[in-house]
Every structure is written in structure tokens, then in C-alpha cells.
Amino acid sequence: MELDDLDWALLDHLQADARTSYNELARRVGASAPTVAARVRRMEESEVITGYRAEVDPSGVGLGVQALVRMKCYGPRCITLRPEQISDWPEVLGVLRLTGDICSLVHVATPDVARLERLLERLWEYGETASAMILSWPVPMRGVRRPPAPPGGARERPGSATRP
């Protein structure tokens, strides 16, 4: 889906606060509320927008120990091939599938180091692990931003070719 300036403006505002009403979004971007609603619905249907959620600080709910666990998984037991194996583990906040010698990176949060250790022992069933505790997020997770225009000014449309 090709996004225009209005779509990007809406994405910026929704990523900053997904609870913003269509009327408020319309005011901020200079469009009508029905236009905003139609644009947001179109981005949802095309899966540019894949959901809405609250950001929760794990420490605020008693999960003060966070870690990133690098996994080298073994064949059919690999957690990236069968994520349902760990999908109901509340300590697992996310899994990234990677290229290279590490197959995945697992973001976990536990109340204390002892429970992190038990979680790592459970993960051993699926492959070799190496973990690093997260001390802080100096650059917090942020929304997707519009990529810069290519050198020379105008943005190319997908599928268009530049002639010499």
C-alpha cells in the first residue's frame, strides 16, 4: 500500500497516542473526521496498522528483571518454527527470528533473577541459550517513521523505474 502525506501524519499521531479520537485526529491533520476514519480503516484492512495496545512498563507490574536471550535452536523444536511451544509463557514478551548463527532473540521479563534462571533452564529444551540482562533503554522503542526521500528529490512510486 502506498502511503501519502495524510496517511503518514495519521500514523505519526496514532503511534504517539492510539486513543486519539477521529475528531481530534482530523483537527490535527486538517482533514474531516469521515476522511480520517476511512483512511484509518483502509490502513487497518491492508494491515499497515496491525493493532492497538497500551504500553506497560514491566517494572511497574513487578517484572523488574528483563533480558534478551539469544537462541540457537535445534531443528523441529526451534521456537521460531513452532512458536506455540512458548506462546503461553507469560515471561516471554516477544520473539524475533534472525539470520546468521543465532536463530532467534527472545525478550523476557521476570520478577527476579532466580525466576530468570528457571526460565533459561526451560528454554534449554529448545536449544542453546545465551542471555544478557537489560539495564536500561537509552533509546526507547519508537514508532515507524516515514523514510527520507531518495537523493534527487521526488519519491518514486513502487514499481516505477528511472530512465537514464
Protein backbone atom coordinates (compact mmCIF):
# COMPACT_ATOMS: atom_id res chain seq x y z
CA MET A 1 0.00 0.00 0.00
CA GLU A 2 1.36 3.40 -0.95
CA LEU A 3 1.02 5.99 1.81
CA ASP A 4 0.61 9.70 1.20
CA ASP A 5 1.33 12.66 3.48
CA LEU A 6 -2.06 12.37 5.22
CA ASP A 7 -1.56 8.65 5.92
CA TRP A 8 1.89 9.31 7.41
CA ALA A 9 0.55 12.16 9.54
CA LEU A 10 -2.19 9.88 10.86
CA LEU A 11 0.33 7.12 11.62
CA ASP A 12 2.54 9.59 13.50
CA HIS A 13 -0.36 10.72 15.68
CA LEU A 14 -1.75 7.21 16.25
CA GLN A 15 1.66 5.84 17.23
CA ALA A 16 2.05 8.66 19.74
CA ASP A 17 -1.45 8.07 21.18
CA ALA A 18 -3.68 5.38 19.70
CA ARG A 19 -6.59 6.58 21.84
CA THR A 20 -6.87 9.87 19.95
CA SER A 21 -10.42 10.28 18.59
CA TYR A 22 -11.11 10.65 14.88
CA ASN A 23 -12.36 14.19 15.56
CA GLU A 24 -9.11 15.12 17.29
CA LEU A 25 -7.01 13.43 14.58
CA ALA A 26 -8.98 15.34 11.95
CA ARG A 27 -8.28 18.61 13.72
CA ARG A 28 -4.57 17.83 14.00
CA VAL A 29 -4.09 16.80 10.35
CA GLY A 30 -6.51 19.27 8.76
CA ALA A 31 -8.97 16.76 7.34
CA SER A 32 -12.58 15.78 8.06
CA ALA A 33 -13.41 13.09 10.62
CA PRO A 34 -15.03 10.85 7.95
CA THR A 35 -11.87 11.12 5.81
CA VAL A 36 -9.71 10.22 8.82
CA ALA A 37 -11.95 7.27 9.69
CA ALA A 38 -11.82 6.00 6.09
CA ARG A 39 -8.03 6.34 5.93
CA VAL A 40 -7.50 4.58 9.25
CA ARG A 41 -9.91 1.79 8.22
CA ARG A 42 -8.05 1.38 4.90
CA MET A 43 -4.69 1.11 6.72
CA GLU A 44 -6.19 -1.46 9.12
CA GLU A 45 -7.64 -3.54 6.26
CA SER A 46 -4.34 -3.51 4.38
CA GLU A 47 -2.51 -4.42 7.62
CA VAL A 48 -0.38 -1.29 7.72
CA ILE A 49 -1.97 -0.85 11.16
CA THR A 50 -1.94 -4.26 12.81
CA GLY A 51 -3.38 -3.39 16.21
CA TYR A 52 -3.61 -1.03 19.15
CA ARG A 53 -2.29 -1.57 22.66
CA ALA A 54 -1.20 0.10 25.85
CA GLU A 55 2.50 0.30 26.63
CA VAL A 56 3.15 -1.25 30.04
CA ASP A 57 6.39 -0.85 31.99
CA PRO A 58 7.29 -4.39 33.14
CA SER A 59 8.83 -2.99 36.34
CA GLY A 60 5.54 -1.31 37.15
CA VAL A 61 3.80 -4.70 37.30
CA GLY A 62 6.50 -6.47 39.31
CA LEU A 63 8.68 -7.76 36.46
CA GLY A 64 11.88 -5.90 37.31
CA VAL A 65 14.34 -8.22 35.54
CA GLN A 66 14.34 -8.08 31.75
CA ALA A 67 16.73 -9.94 29.47
CA LEU A 68 17.39 -10.70 25.84
CA VAL A 69 18.03 -14.39 25.24
CA ARG A 70 19.89 -15.43 22.11
CA MET A 71 18.81 -18.88 20.93
CA LYS A 72 20.48 -21.45 18.71
CA CYS A 73 17.59 -23.84 18.22
CA TYR A 74 17.59 -27.47 17.17
CA GLY A 75 15.61 -28.43 14.06
CA PRO A 76 11.90 -29.10 14.56
CA ARG A 77 11.99 -27.93 18.19
CA CYS A 78 13.03 -24.42 17.09
CA ILE A 79 10.83 -21.81 18.75
CA THR A 80 10.66 -19.75 15.55
CA LEU A 81 9.24 -22.70 13.60
CA ARG A 82 6.77 -23.66 16.33
CA PRO A 83 6.14 -20.53 18.42
CA GLU A 84 3.13 -22.17 20.07
CA GLN A 85 5.67 -24.09 22.19
CA ILE A 86 6.27 -20.96 24.26
CA SER A 87 3.39 -18.67 23.28
CA ASP A 88 1.62 -19.16 26.62
CA TRP A 89 4.72 -18.44 28.73
CA PRO A 90 3.89 -15.12 30.44
CA GLU A 91 7.59 -14.27 30.85
CA VAL A 92 8.09 -14.11 27.06
CA LEU A 93 7.36 -10.61 25.79
CA GLY A 94 8.45 -11.19 22.20
CA VAL A 95 10.50 -13.33 19.84
CA LEU A 96 12.47 -12.14 16.82
CA ARG A 97 13.56 -14.58 14.09
CA LEU A 98 17.08 -13.77 12.90
CA THR A 99 19.55 -14.66 10.18
CA GLY A 100 23.01 -15.98 10.95
CA ASP A 101 24.16 -18.39 13.62
CA ILE A 102 21.59 -17.15 16.15
CA CYS A 103 18.10 -18.19 15.09
CA SER A 104 16.13 -16.01 17.48
CA LEU A 105 16.21 -13.32 20.12
CA VAL A 106 13.71 -13.69 22.97
CA HIS A 107 12.72 -10.70 25.11
CA VAL A 108 11.76 -11.88 28.58
CA ALA A 109 10.72 -10.29 31.88
CA THR A 110 10.68 -11.93 35.31
CA PRO A 111 10.18 -10.73 38.89
CA ASP A 112 13.72 -11.68 39.95
CA VAL A 113 16.97 -13.31 38.86
CA ALA A 114 16.04 -16.72 40.32
CA ARG A 115 12.99 -16.88 38.05
CA LEU A 116 15.08 -15.72 35.09
CA GLU A 117 17.39 -18.64 35.79
CA ARG A 118 14.45 -21.10 35.84
CA LEU A 119 13.14 -19.64 32.59
CA LEU A 120 16.53 -20.07 30.94
CA GLU A 121 16.57 -23.70 32.07
CA ARG A 122 13.14 -24.20 30.44
CA LEU A 123 14.42 -22.65 27.21
CA TRP A 124 17.36 -25.12 27.10
CA GLU A 125 14.86 -27.74 25.96
CA TYR A 126 14.64 -25.87 22.64
CA GLY A 127 18.30 -25.05 22.05
CA GLU A 128 21.43 -23.33 23.26
CA THR A 129 20.88 -20.04 25.07
CA ALA A 130 22.98 -17.00 25.87
CA SER A 131 21.41 -14.14 27.77
CA ALA A 132 22.05 -10.52 28.57
CA MET A 133 20.14 -8.61 31.24
CA ILE A 134 18.69 -5.28 30.16
CA LEU A 135 19.92 -2.44 32.33
CA SER A 136 18.01 0.38 30.62
CA TRP A 137 16.51 1.55 27.30
CA PRO A 138 18.53 4.69 26.43
CA VAL A 139 16.64 4.91 23.14
CA PRO A 140 13.09 3.72 23.84
CA MET A 141 11.09 1.73 21.32
CA ARG A 142 9.51 4.15 18.91
CA GLY A 143 7.05 4.13 16.08
CA VAL A 144 7.72 3.63 12.40
CA ARG A 145 8.76 6.84 10.71
CA ARG A 146 8.43 7.88 7.09
CA PRO A 147 11.64 7.06 5.22
CA PRO A 148 13.53 10.02 3.75
CA ALA A 149 13.05 10.88 0.10
CA PRO A 150 15.71 9.39 -2.18
CA PRO A 151 18.52 11.71 -3.33
CA GLY A 152 17.33 13.99 -6.09
CA GLY A 153 14.04 14.94 -4.52
CA ALA A 154 10.85 13.21 -5.59
CA ARG A 155 9.80 9.88 -4.18
CA GLU A 156 9.49 7.05 -6.68
CA ARG A 157 6.28 5.11 -6.81
CA PRO A 158 6.64 1.37 -6.18
CA GLY A 159 7.26 -0.40 -9.47
CA SER A 160 8.39 2.72 -11.34
CA ALA A 161 11.76 2.78 -12.99
CA THR A 162 14.09 5.71 -13.51
CA ARG A 163 15.17 6.24 -17.11
CA PRO A 164 18.73 7.31 -17.92
